[in-house]
Protein backbone atom coordinates (compact mmCIF):
# COMPACT_ATOMS: atom_id res chain seq x y z
CA UNK A 1 -47.54 52.93 -15.45
CA UNK A 2 -44.98 54.54 -12.98
CA UNK A 3 -41.47 54.64 -13.67
CA UNK A 4 -38.53 54.11 -11.03
CA UNK A 5 -37.46 57.79 -11.25
CA UNK A 6 -40.96 58.95 -10.94
CA UNK A 7 -41.04 56.58 -7.73
CA UNK A 8 -37.93 58.07 -6.66
CA UNK A 9 -38.91 61.48 -6.75
CA UNK A 10 -42.30 60.84 -5.14
CA UNK A 11 -40.39 59.11 -2.08
CA UNK A 12 -38.04 61.94 -1.83
CA UNK A 13 -40.92 64.50 -1.54
CA UNK A 14 -42.59 62.13 1.04
CA UNK A 15 -39.64 62.00 3.08
CA UNK A 16 -39.02 65.73 2.90
CA UNK A 17 -42.65 66.34 4.09
CA UNK A 18 -42.80 63.19 6.32
CA UNK A 19 -45.94 62.22 4.69
CA UNK A 20 -47.97 65.28 6.13
CA UNK A 21 -50.30 67.58 4.35
CA UNK A 22 -48.67 70.76 3.76
CA UNK A 23 -48.98 74.29 1.78
CA UNK A 24 -46.13 74.99 -0.65
CA UNK A 25 -45.65 76.09 -4.00
CA UNK A 26 -44.21 74.56 -7.08
CA UNK A 27 -40.70 76.51 -6.49
CA UNK A 28 -40.42 74.82 -3.20
CA UNK A 29 -41.10 71.42 -4.69
CA UNK A 30 -38.59 72.24 -7.55
CA UNK A 31 -35.95 73.10 -4.99
CA UNK A 32 -36.68 69.72 -3.33
CA UNK A 33 -36.61 67.51 -6.51
CA UNK A 34 -33.92 69.49 -8.01
CA UNK A 35 -35.77 70.15 -11.32
CA UNK A 36 -37.34 73.20 -12.97
CA UNK A 37 -40.84 74.38 -12.09
CA UNK A 38 -42.19 73.17 -15.57
CA UNK A 39 -40.95 69.75 -14.94
CA UNK A 40 -42.83 69.70 -11.51
CA UNK A 41 -45.94 70.16 -13.10
CA UNK A 42 -45.49 67.11 -15.09
CA UNK A 43 -44.12 65.06 -12.06
CA UNK A 44 -47.23 66.00 -9.79
CA UNK A 45 -49.48 65.39 -12.72
CA UNK A 46 -48.24 61.88 -12.80
CA UNK A 47 -48.06 61.32 -9.17
CA UNK A 48 -51.85 62.23 -9.07
CA UNK A 49 -52.58 59.90 -11.93
CA UNK A 50 -50.92 56.77 -10.21
CA UNK A 51 -52.93 57.84 -6.87
CA UNK A 52 -50.12 58.86 -4.83
CA UNK A 53 -50.93 62.40 -4.00
CA UNK A 54 -53.49 65.23 -4.35
CA UNK A 55 -52.40 68.47 -5.52
CA UNK A 56 -54.91 71.55 -5.17
CA UNK A 57 -53.16 74.41 -7.20
CA UNK A 58 -53.67 77.99 -6.36
CA UNK A 59 -52.87 80.80 -8.92
CA UNK A 60 -51.63 84.20 -7.73
CA UNK A 61 -48.88 85.98 -6.28
CA UNK A 62 -48.36 84.78 -2.60
CA UNK A 63 -50.88 81.83 -2.74
CA UNK A 64 -49.87 78.58 -1.63
CA UNK A 65 -51.07 75.41 -3.08
CA UNK A 66 -52.13 72.09 -1.00
CA UNK A 67 -50.02 68.88 -1.22
CA UNK A 68 -51.81 65.86 0.34
CA UNK A 69 -50.26 62.28 0.31
CA UNK A 70 -52.55 59.43 -0.36
CA UNK A 71 -49.70 56.82 -0.63
CA UNK A 72 -47.04 56.25 1.92
CA UNK A 73 -43.78 56.80 0.66
CA UNK A 74 -42.56 54.01 2.97
CA UNK A 75 -44.83 51.39 1.44
CA UNK A 76 -43.73 52.81 -2.16
CA UNK A 77 -40.09 52.51 -1.02
CA UNK A 78 -40.43 48.83 0.32
CA UNK A 79 -42.08 47.85 -2.86
CA UNK A 80 -39.16 49.59 -4.83
CA UNK A 81 -36.43 47.80 -2.79
CA UNK A 82 -38.11 44.45 -3.11
CA UNK A 83 -37.92 44.93 -6.89
CA UNK A 84 -34.33 46.28 -6.80
CA UNK A 85 -33.08 43.30 -4.79
CA UNK A 86 -35.07 40.93 -6.73
CA UNK A 87 -33.04 42.20 -9.90
CA UNK A 88 -29.80 42.30 -7.39
CA UNK A 89 -29.48 45.79 -8.06
CA UNK A 90 -27.95 46.94 -4.88
CA UNK A 91 -25.97 50.26 -6.53
CA UNK A 92 -29.89 51.77 -7.19
CA UNK A 93 -30.98 50.57 -3.77
CA UNK A 94 -28.28 52.49 -1.89
CA UNK A 95 -29.01 55.38 -4.06
CA UNK A 96 -32.54 55.34 -3.22
CA UNK A 97 -32.24 54.88 0.62
CA UNK A 98 -29.90 57.18 2.24
CA UNK A 99 -30.62 55.77 6.02
CA UNK A 100 -28.52 52.69 7.01
CA UNK A 101 -31.10 51.59 9.35
CA UNK A 102 -33.70 51.68 7.02
CA UNK A 103 -31.65 49.78 4.03
CA UNK A 104 -30.56 47.25 6.42
CA UNK A 105 -34.17 46.44 7.30
CA UNK A 106 -34.98 46.46 3.69
CA UNK A 107 -32.33 44.33 2.56
CA UNK A 108 -32.77 41.71 5.31
CA UNK A 109 -36.38 41.63 4.65
CA UNK A 110 -36.03 40.29 1.18
CA UNK A 111 -33.38 37.63 1.75
CA UNK A 112 -35.68 34.77 2.56
CA UNK A 113 -35.79 32.02 0.19
CA UNK A 114 -37.64 32.23 -3.13
CA UNK A 115 -38.86 29.84 -5.67
CA UNK A 116 -38.71 31.06 -9.24
CA UNK A 117 -39.79 29.16 -12.09
CA UNK A 118 -39.32 25.97 -9.98
CA UNK A 119 -35.75 27.02 -8.79
CA UNK A 120 -34.96 27.31 -5.28
CA UNK A 121 -32.81 30.23 -4.51
CA UNK A 122 -30.82 31.70 -1.55
CA UNK A 123 -29.59 35.11 -1.06
CA UNK A 124 -27.37 36.10 1.62
CA UNK A 125 -26.06 39.61 2.79
CA UNK A 126 -22.36 40.38 3.34
CA UNK A 127 -20.31 43.29 3.89
CA UNK A 128 -17.30 42.86 1.25
CA UNK A 129 -16.80 41.55 -2.17
CA UNK A 130 -14.96 38.43 -2.81
CA UNK A 131 -11.93 39.31 -5.21
CA UNK A 132 -9.65 36.40 -4.74
CA UNK A 133 -10.82 32.78 -4.79
CA UNK A 134 -7.86 30.94 -5.92
CA UNK A 135 -6.63 28.31 -3.67
CA UNK A 136 -3.15 28.33 -2.41
CA UNK A 137 -3.02 31.97 -2.31
CA UNK A 138 -3.55 34.16 0.99
CA UNK A 139 -7.25 33.59 1.79
CA UNK A 140 -9.58 34.86 4.29
CA UNK A 141 -12.09 32.82 6.29
CA UNK A 142 -15.41 33.39 3.97
CA UNK A 143 -13.13 32.79 0.95
CA UNK A 144 -11.93 29.16 2.40
CA UNK A 145 -15.41 28.27 2.90
CA UNK A 146 -16.53 29.17 -0.62
CA UNK A 147 -13.61 27.18 -2.12
CA UNK A 148 -15.09 24.06 -0.65
CA UNK A 149 -18.35 24.74 -2.71
CA UNK A 150 -16.58 25.37 -6.18
CA UNK A 151 -13.16 22.97 -5.77
CA UNK A 152 -12.68 19.56 -4.81
CA UNK A 153 -9.48 17.94 -3.43
CA UNK A 154 -8.29 14.22 -3.77
CA UNK A 155 -9.72 13.96 -0.22
CA UNK A 156 -12.20 15.90 1.70
CA UNK A 157 -12.12 16.52 5.50
CA UNK A 158 -15.29 15.67 7.36
CA UNK A 159 -16.51 18.63 9.31
CA UNK A 160 -17.92 16.43 11.95
CA UNK A 161 -14.73 14.51 13.04
CA UNK A 162 -11.93 15.52 10.93
CA UNK A 163 -11.56 12.41 9.29
CA UNK A 164 -10.35 12.29 5.59
CA UNK A 165 -13.08 11.00 3.31
CA UNK A 166 -13.25 10.27 -0.46
CA UNK A 167 -13.55 12.93 -2.85
CA UNK A 168 -11.90 12.99 -6.35
CA UNK A 169 -10.02 9.90 -5.26
CA UNK A 170 -12.30 6.96 -3.90
CA UNK A 171 -9.56 5.30 -2.29
CA UNK A 172 -6.02 5.70 -1.14
CA UNK A 173 -3.24 3.68 0.40
CA UNK A 174 0.25 4.47 1.78
CA UNK A 175 2.65 2.01 -0.27
CA UNK A 176 5.89 2.99 1.59
CA UNK A 177 7.20 5.26 4.31
CA UNK A 178 7.21 8.20 1.76
CA UNK A 179 4.70 7.00 -0.71
CA UNK A 180 0.95 7.29 -1.31
CA UNK A 181 -1.31 5.95 -4.02
CA UNK A 182 -4.81 7.41 -5.02
CA UNK A 183 -7.43 5.86 -7.20
CA UNK A 184 -9.29 8.19 -8.97
CA UNK A 185 -13.09 8.54 -9.83
CA UNK A 186 -13.80 8.24 -13.62
CA UNK A 187 -15.85 10.71 -15.71
CA UNK A 188 -15.23 14.04 -13.43
CA UNK A 189 -15.98 17.14 -15.19
CA UNK A 190 -14.70 20.57 -14.60
CA UNK A 191 -17.43 23.52 -14.73
CA UNK A 192 -16.33 24.72 -18.06
CA UNK A 193 -16.96 21.27 -19.72
CA UNK A 194 -13.62 19.66 -20.02
CA UNK A 195 -12.99 16.22 -18.19
CA UNK A 196 -10.68 15.79 -15.40
CA UNK A 197 -7.06 14.80 -16.48
CA UNK A 198 -4.31 13.27 -14.54
CA UNK A 199 -2.31 16.22 -15.67
CA UNK A 200 -4.33 18.42 -13.80
CA UNK A 201 -3.56 16.78 -10.43
CA UNK A 202 0.02 16.71 -11.31
CA UNK A 203 0.16 20.35 -12.18
CA UNK A 204 -1.93 21.27 -9.01
CA UNK A 205 0.38 19.48 -6.76
CA UNK A 206 3.67 20.58 -8.31
CA UNK A 207 2.23 24.36 -8.08
CA UNK A 208 1.58 23.74 -4.30
CA UNK A 209 5.11 22.20 -3.72
CA UNK A 210 6.73 25.20 -5.28
CA UNK A 211 4.75 28.09 -3.58
CA UNK A 212 3.01 26.59 -0.49
CA UNK A 213 5.36 25.73 2.66
CA UNK A 214 3.19 22.70 3.85
CA UNK A 215 3.40 20.98 0.39
CA UNK A 216 7.02 21.52 0.01
CA UNK A 217 8.20 17.98 1.19
CA UNK A 218 6.77 16.65 -2.10
CA UNK A 219 9.16 15.04 -4.29
CA UNK A 220 7.47 13.71 -7.38
CA UNK A 221 3.75 13.34 -8.81
CA UNK A 222 3.11 10.71 -11.56
CA UNK A 223 0.57 8.63 -13.01
CA UNK A 224 1.56 5.60 -14.64
CA UNK A 225 -1.54 4.00 -14.93
CA UNK A 226 -5.23 5.49 -15.73
CA UNK A 227 -6.97 7.06 -12.89
CA UNK A 228 -4.00 6.23 -10.80
CA UNK A 229 -1.71 8.85 -8.85
CA UNK A 230 1.32 8.08 -7.08
CA UNK A 231 2.99 10.79 -4.76
CA UNK A 232 6.48 10.37 -3.22
CA UNK A 233 7.53 12.66 -0.50
CA UNK A 234 10.70 13.65 0.74
CA UNK A 235 9.70 13.00 4.24
CA UNK A 236 7.09 10.77 6.27
CA UNK A 237 3.89 12.67 6.75
CA UNK A 238 1.07 10.83 8.70
CA UNK A 239 -1.18 13.90 7.91
CA UNK A 240 -1.01 13.70 4.03
CA UNK A 241 -4.42 12.12 3.39
CA UNK A 242 -5.80 15.09 5.54
CA UNK A 243 -3.48 17.64 3.86
CA UNK A 244 -4.87 16.53 0.28
CA UNK A 245 -8.17 17.66 1.48
CA UNK A 246 -7.13 20.69 3.10
CA UNK A 247 -8.58 24.01 1.68
CA UNK A 248 -5.42 24.79 -0.31
CA UNK A 249 -5.31 21.18 -2.02
CA UNK A 250 -8.01 22.02 -4.55
CA UNK A 251 -7.40 20.60 -7.81
CA UNK A 252 -7.42 23.15 -10.84
CA UNK A 253 -7.45 22.74 -14.45
CA UNK A 254 -3.84 22.72 -15.66
CA UNK A 255 -4.60 25.59 -18.21
CA UNK A 256 -6.13 27.74 -15.28
CA UNK A 257 -3.67 30.72 -15.84
CA UNK A 258 -4.91 31.02 -19.54
CA UNK A 259 -8.61 31.45 -18.29
CA UNK A 260 -9.62 34.84 -18.05
CA UNK A 261 -9.77 36.43 -14.46
CA UNK A 262 -9.52 32.82 -12.86
CA UNK A 263 -8.88 34.26 -9.45
CA UNK A 264 -12.38 35.97 -9.41
CA UNK A 265 -14.20 33.53 -11.60
CA UNK A 266 -12.55 30.31 -10.79
CA UNK A 267 -13.35 27.04 -12.57
CA UNK A 268 -13.46 23.76 -10.52
CA UNK A 269 -15.41 20.23 -10.19
CA UNK A 270 -17.31 21.07 -7.12
CA UNK A 271 -20.91 21.16 -6.44
CA UNK A 272 -21.21 24.96 -7.51
CA UNK A 273 -19.91 26.94 -10.16
CA UNK A 274 -19.23 30.62 -10.37
CA UNK A 275 -21.79 32.70 -12.76
CA UNK A 276 -21.20 36.17 -11.69
CA UNK A 277 -18.74 37.66 -9.24
CA UNK A 278 -18.38 41.59 -9.00
CA UNK A 279 -18.40 44.34 -6.76
CA UNK A 280 -22.03 43.92 -5.67
CA UNK A 281 -22.78 40.13 -5.95
CA UNK A 282 -21.49 36.38 -5.87
CA UNK A 283 -23.78 34.19 -7.46
CA UNK A 284 -22.85 30.28 -7.60
CA UNK A 285 -25.23 27.94 -9.39
CA UNK A 286 -25.63 24.26 -8.93
CA UNK A 287 -23.25 22.16 -11.31
CA UNK A 288 -25.49 19.30 -12.95
CA UNK A 289 -22.31 17.18 -13.83
CA UNK A 290 -21.03 17.16 -10.23
CA UNK A 291 -19.70 13.52 -9.37
CA UNK A 292 -21.65 13.55 -5.99
CA UNK A 293 -25.39 14.35 -5.01
CA UNK A 294 -26.55 17.03 -6.81
CA UNK A 295 -26.92 20.52 -4.59
CA UNK A 296 -30.37 21.14 -3.25
CA UNK A 297 -30.13 24.78 -3.54
CA UNK A 298 -30.26 25.90 -7.22
CA UNK A 299 -28.49 28.98 -6.82
CA UNK A 300 -27.21 30.95 -3.94
CA UNK A 301 -26.42 34.66 -4.22
CA UNK A 302 -24.22 36.56 -2.02
CA UNK A 303 -25.23 40.57 -2.13
CA UNK A 304 -22.38 42.71 -1.05
CA UNK A 305 -23.48 45.80 0.70
CA UNK A 306 -20.63 47.62 2.26
CA UNK A 307 -22.76 50.67 3.32
CA UNK A 308 -23.95 48.21 6.18
CA UNK A 309 -20.71 47.09 7.54
CA UNK A 310 -20.90 49.32 10.60
CA UNK A 311 -24.47 47.99 11.28
CA UNK A 312 -23.12 44.06 10.75
CA UNK A 313 -21.08 41.98 13.12
CA UNK A 314 -18.66 40.15 10.76
CA UNK A 315 -19.44 36.87 12.94
CA UNK A 316 -23.02 36.84 11.92
CA UNK A 317 -24.12 35.77 8.81
CA UNK A 318 -27.70 36.87 7.61
CA UNK A 319 -29.72 34.40 5.32
CA UNK A 320 -33.21 35.61 6.30
CA UNK A 321 -35.58 38.05 7.00
CA UNK A 322 -34.84 40.91 9.96
CA UNK A 323 -38.42 40.59 11.10
CA UNK A 324 -40.62 38.30 13.61
CA UNK A 325 -39.78 35.36 11.05
CA UNK A 326 -36.13 35.65 11.66
CA UNK A 327 -34.62 32.87 13.83
CA UNK A 328 -31.11 31.77 14.86
CA UNK A 329 -30.70 28.79 13.00
CA UNK A 330 -27.30 27.58 14.56
CA UNK A 331 -24.64 29.25 16.87
CA UNK A 332 -21.37 28.02 17.99
CA UNK A 333 -18.04 29.41 19.72
CA UNK A 334 -15.48 29.60 17.02
CA UNK A 335 -12.44 27.54 16.98
CA UNK A 336 -9.69 30.05 17.05
CA UNK A 337 -9.34 33.83 18.29
CA UNK A 338 -8.35 37.15 17.88
CA UNK A 339 -4.86 37.91 19.07
CA UNK A 340 -1.84 40.37 19.19
CA UNK A 341 1.39 39.65 17.56
CA UNK A 342 4.50 41.38 18.64
CA UNK A 343 7.18 41.69 15.79
CA UNK A 344 10.73 41.01 16.85
CA UNK A 345 11.71 42.73 13.69
CA UNK A 346 10.93 45.88 15.42
CA UNK A 347 13.08 47.42 17.80
CA UNK A 348 10.06 48.17 20.45
CA UNK A 349 8.54 44.67 19.36
CA UNK A 350 11.80 42.82 20.46
CA UNK A 351 11.93 44.28 23.85
CA UNK A 352 10.40 41.97 26.57
CA UNK A 353 9.62 44.94 28.92
CA UNK A 354 7.40 46.53 26.53
CA UNK A 355 5.71 43.32 25.36
CA UNK A 356 5.03 42.67 29.17
CA UNK A 357 3.70 45.88 29.83
CA UNK A 358 1.38 46.07 26.71
CA UNK A 359 -0.04 42.42 27.65
CA UNK A 360 -0.83 43.52 31.09
CA UNK A 361 -2.56 46.52 30.00
CA UNK A 362 -4.46 45.27 27.13
CA UNK A 363 -6.08 42.10 28.70
CA UNK A 364 -9.36 40.51 27.24
CA UNK A 365 -11.53 41.47 30.41
CA UNK A 366 -10.40 45.23 30.11
CA UNK A 367 -11.02 45.56 26.50
CA UNK A 368 -14.17 44.09 26.99
CA UNK A 369 -15.20 46.58 29.76
CA UNK A 370 -14.54 49.43 27.43
CA UNK A 371 -16.07 48.08 24.15
CA UNK A 372 -19.64 48.59 22.95
CA UNK A 373 -22.59 46.26 24.11
CA UNK A 374 -22.83 45.09 20.46
CA UNK A 375 -19.39 43.56 20.69
CA UNK A 376 -19.73 42.43 24.27
CA UNK A 377 -22.58 39.94 23.07
CA UNK A 378 -20.39 38.27 20.30
CA UNK A 379 -16.93 38.38 22.00
CA UNK A 380 -15.52 36.03 24.82
CA UNK A 381 -12.17 36.41 26.64
CA UNK A 382 -9.48 34.50 25.17
CA UNK A 383 -6.74 32.44 27.31
CA UNK A 384 -5.38 30.49 24.69
CA UNK A 385 -5.80 30.01 20.95
CA UNK A 386 -8.69 27.34 21.64
CA UNK A 387 -11.51 27.80 23.95
CA UNK A 388 -10.33 24.95 26.11
CA UNK A 389 -6.69 26.28 26.34
CA UNK A 390 -6.00 28.52 29.36
CA UNK A 391 -2.29 29.42 28.30
CA UNK A 392 -2.27 33.21 29.17
CA UNK A 393 -0.80 33.89 32.61
CA UNK A 394 -2.03 36.58 34.84
CA UNK A 395 0.47 39.29 34.43
CA UNK A 396 0.58 41.55 37.32
CA UNK A 397 0.53 45.24 36.97
CA UNK A 398 3.71 47.04 35.78
CA UNK A 399 4.99 50.41 35.14
CA UNK A 400 5.03 51.60 31.46
CA UNK A 401 8.83 51.80 30.09
CA UNK A 402 9.82 55.48 30.45
CA UNK A 403 10.97 55.69 26.76
CA UNK A 404 7.75 54.27 25.21
CA UNK A 405 5.84 57.37 23.75
CA UNK A 406 4.36 55.68 20.56
CA UNK A 407 3.71 52.36 18.80
CA UNK A 408 2.38 51.12 15.60
CA UNK A 409 -0.35 48.64 15.31
CA UNK A 410 -1.30 46.69 11.71
CA UNK A 411 -4.34 45.10 10.52
CA UNK A 412 -5.84 44.40 7.01
CA UNK A 413 -8.83 46.64 5.83
CA UNK A 414 -12.44 45.61 5.26
CA UNK A 415 -12.75 44.16 8.78
CA UNK A 416 -15.00 46.17 11.03
CA UNK A 417 -14.13 44.42 14.29
CA UNK A 418 -10.57 44.94 13.50
CA UNK A 419 -11.39 48.68 13.51
CA UNK A 420 -13.26 48.56 16.88
CA UNK A 421 -10.31 46.80 18.73
CA UNK A 422 -7.98 49.44 17.06
CA UNK A 423 -9.96 52.21 18.67
CA UNK A 424 -10.29 50.64 22.07
CA UNK A 425 -6.26 49.96 21.86
CA UNK A 426 -6.03 53.53 20.82
CA UNK A 427 -8.02 54.89 23.76
CA UNK A 428 -6.30 52.41 26.42
CA UNK A 429 -2.77 53.55 25.28
CA UNK A 430 -3.60 57.42 25.10
CA UNK A 431 -4.77 57.08 28.77
CA UNK A 432 -1.19 56.04 29.60
CA UNK A 433 0.66 58.56 27.39
CA UNK A 434 1.34 56.60 24.30
CA UNK A 435 0.36 57.42 20.84
CA UNK A 436 -1.02 54.63 18.67
CA UNK A 437 -0.55 54.73 15.16
CA UNK A 438 -2.91 52.43 13.12
CA UNK A 439 -1.59 51.23 9.81
CA UNK A 440 -4.21 49.67 7.52
CA UNK A 441 -3.01 47.67 4.61
CA UNK A 442 -4.19 44.89 2.03
CA UNK A 443 -4.87 41.33 3.29
CA UNK A 444 -1.90 39.98 0.87
CA UNK A 445 0.54 42.58 2.82
CA UNK A 446 -0.70 41.57 6.05
CA UNK A 447 -0.66 38.11 5.47
CA UNK A 448 3.08 38.12 4.59
CA UNK A 449 4.10 40.78 7.11
CA UNK A 450 5.45 42.85 4.33
CA UNK A 451 5.49 46.24 6.17
CA UNK A 452 6.92 47.94 9.37
CA UNK A 453 4.86 47.49 12.63
CA UNK A 454 5.64 47.04 16.26
CA UNK A 455 2.59 44.62 16.68
CA UNK A 456 -0.19 43.25 14.62
CA UNK A 457 -3.89 42.45 15.02
CA UNK A 458 -4.25 39.02 13.77
CA UNK A 459 -7.25 36.25 13.61
CA UNK A 460 -6.84 32.53 13.15
CA UNK A 461 -9.98 30.30 12.48
CA UNK A 462 -9.10 26.36 12.82
CA UNK A 463 -11.35 23.40 11.68
CA UNK A 464 -11.13 19.81 12.44
CA UNK A 465 -9.08 17.99 13.15
CA UNK A 466 -7.66 20.68 15.30
CA UNK A 467 -4.51 18.76 15.90
CA UNK A 468 -3.72 19.21 12.18
CA UNK A 469 -5.13 22.74 11.54
CA UNK A 470 -3.67 24.67 14.30
CA UNK A 471 -0.41 24.10 13.57
CA UNK A 472 -0.96 24.27 9.81
CA UNK A 473 -2.99 27.34 9.87
CA UNK A 474 -0.23 28.95 12.05
CA UNK A 475 2.46 27.60 9.85
CA UNK A 476 1.14 28.78 6.52
CA UNK A 477 1.04 32.16 7.76
CA UNK A 478 4.23 33.98 6.87
CA UNK A 479 3.59 37.10 9.35
CA UNK A 480 3.75 34.55 12.20
CA UNK A 481 7.14 33.08 11.10
CA UNK A 482 8.70 36.60 10.64
CA UNK A 483 7.30 38.09 13.74
CA UNK A 484 8.51 35.25 15.71
CA UNK A 485 11.89 34.92 13.78
CA UNK A 486 11.81 31.19 14.67
CA UNK A 487 13.05 28.47 12.41
CA UNK A 488 9.86 26.16 12.60
CA UNK A 489 11.29 23.00 10.52
CA UNK A 490 11.87 20.94 13.75
CA UNK A 491 8.30 21.67 14.88
CA UNK A 492 7.24 20.79 11.20
CA UNK A 493 9.02 17.46 11.23
CA UNK A 494 7.43 16.48 14.63
CA UNK A 495 4.11 17.69 13.75
CA UNK A 496 4.28 15.44 10.38
CA UNK A 497 4.89 12.55 12.57
CA UNK A 498 2.34 13.45 15.27
CA UNK A 499 4.90 13.62 18.02
CA UNK A 500 4.64 17.52 18.78
CA UNK A 501 2.72 18.41 21.81
CA UNK A 502 0.70 21.33 19.97
CA UNK A 503 -0.80 22.58 23.47
CA UNK A 504 2.78 22.86 24.69
CA UNK A 505 4.30 24.53 21.61
CA UNK A 506 1.47 27.09 21.44
CA UNK A 507 1.83 27.61 25.45
CA UNK A 508 5.42 28.20 24.93
CA UNK A 509 4.82 31.09 22.13
CA UNK A 510 2.49 32.81 24.46
CA UNK A 511 4.90 32.67 27.72
CA UNK A 512 7.40 34.25 25.67
CA UNK A 513 4.85 37.19 25.39
CA UNK A 514 4.95 37.05 21.55
CA UNK A 515 1.27 36.05 20.87
CA UNK A 516 -1.25 37.54 23.27
CA UNK A 517 -4.87 35.96 22.86
CA UNK A 518 -7.99 38.55 23.17
CA UNK A 519 -11.26 37.22 21.87
CA UNK A 520 -13.27 34.33 20.88
CA UNK A 521 -16.07 34.86 18.79
CA UNK A 522 -19.83 33.54 18.99
CA UNK A 523 -20.78 32.61 15.33
CA UNK A 524 -24.52 32.99 14.46
CA UNK A 525 -26.54 31.93 11.55
CA UNK A 526 -29.69 34.00 11.21
CA UNK A 527 -32.50 32.93 8.91
CA UNK A 528 -36.03 31.85 7.97
CA UNK A 529 -37.36 29.10 10.13
CA UNK A 530 -38.26 27.18 6.90
CA UNK A 531 -34.54 26.45 6.13
CA UNK A 532 -33.57 22.98 6.54
CA UNK A 533 -30.00 21.16 6.43
CA UNK A 534 -28.20 23.98 7.93
CA UNK A 535 -24.99 22.93 10.10
CA UNK A 536 -22.70 25.76 10.74
CA UNK A 537 -19.04 25.06 9.96
CA UNK A 538 -15.96 26.38 11.99
CA UNK A 539 -16.08 29.16 9.64
CA UNK A 540 -19.31 30.46 10.38
CA UNK A 541 -20.93 29.33 7.15
CA UNK A 542 -22.75 25.91 6.08
CA UNK A 543 -22.66 23.45 3.29
CA UNK A 544 -24.88 25.04 0.48
CA UNK A 545 -25.48 21.69 -1.47
CA UNK A 546 -27.15 20.28 1.97
CA UNK A 547 -29.34 22.89 2.55
CA UNK A 548 -32.95 23.08 1.44
CA UNK A 549 -36.40 25.06 2.09
CA UNK A 550 -39.73 23.87 2.85
CA UNK A 551 -41.79 24.98 -0.24
CA UNK A 552 -44.12 27.69 0.33
CA UNK A 553 -48.12 26.52 0.61
CA UNK A 554 -50.11 26.64 -2.23
């Protein structure tokens, strides 16, 4: 029986000779396989026994032996890759395949649905791990989606119409101008087996009140009767039922800080529980005690393959084979865009002449003209934060400020499209005699704006209802508030009363040359045609618990 090590050595030998019959010596093969001549004899004997090759040895000085391949190393490599992916052993797969294009094809070809021991499993390939799944902390788009699969709030937001719908609370009512009452479902359980208690809800909202700006108007959270929560606010908020269903309003067990590595392996009440989360894989499994409809997919594994980052567009989620059976299950233009954010804390960022010149140079059309075809397919010029808004005014070409020779741009790591945009900006500015220094930081530092920069590369992904999420997302971003240098308490109060003209407010920020939209994305799901129940959300993902597969024909 062949061993993985023997298979690996054969594949290496086959790749070196490209599968062609050749005349060689034991020493040459030993050099290729990095082993002794004595061990080579043993390897060749085992490979012959396995039927992979024929070795006709010749003895004597200067004599060369004949090596003939009977088995395709590519077929053996694919079989080995299938086994490694089945075992979720991406490290060994990376070690076995040095060619990124070949590895991408192998990985994607094995991502189709599988049925193992009566279980329905789904594999997804992604380019980075998920180190932080803690609600209420700085979270990227994909993490926000995953929270919806792991946690619940008092309410939820219907992704189709943006309305607040029942979740942990089956009913709610406004009992006063600044008071809300929620009636809780009974017999709700956390993933670690404990039943939900009112103290979990109270502590969750008290935590958000102290750490999250949109929840700072909460005065008290109390429960005087079983399964009833009363929340009193400091000011009226007509968005409050939607706010309690927003991503950060997830309910945590009150002892969450005592649970080991909670940010990476969180415990919620949602349809899926985290069973594995490391550098190479996130696996979530259907929670049988979920209070709602039990998930149709038994298990979802996100395989992390950072080696493929340059071969993947971050807006395309691969959930199926990379071959003739692959199909686009769904696609949409995102709600949101990439944009540049000028920092008024910087001496250069606060100068209107520099901001105007930069914005006149780095137009979306100019950047698209210079970028690679791969990105031209997925990017669309943005003239406002939303696709339907046209707030960017045509800025006539203007002269570069004479004293401008260098600038600093900051964005966060593990984002291939940021690197592509950064290179475009460097190229355009270099042609104008301006050196662009790029500062790549971690997400938390970027989110909080905690470093010196003249301008920042940013992105925002909004969800329905847009009148809620556009302001909420921007207000939740400390980077924006610090770059603008504005006190947003007045717009916040108007927004809570639904008297803020959101389009006019965003247009005003753009007119000041502070925020400059660049691109909208085409989001795409690629997968097997046998997959059903897939409806892409505004984050480019889909609700796992509603997806299912047509079983294979027996």
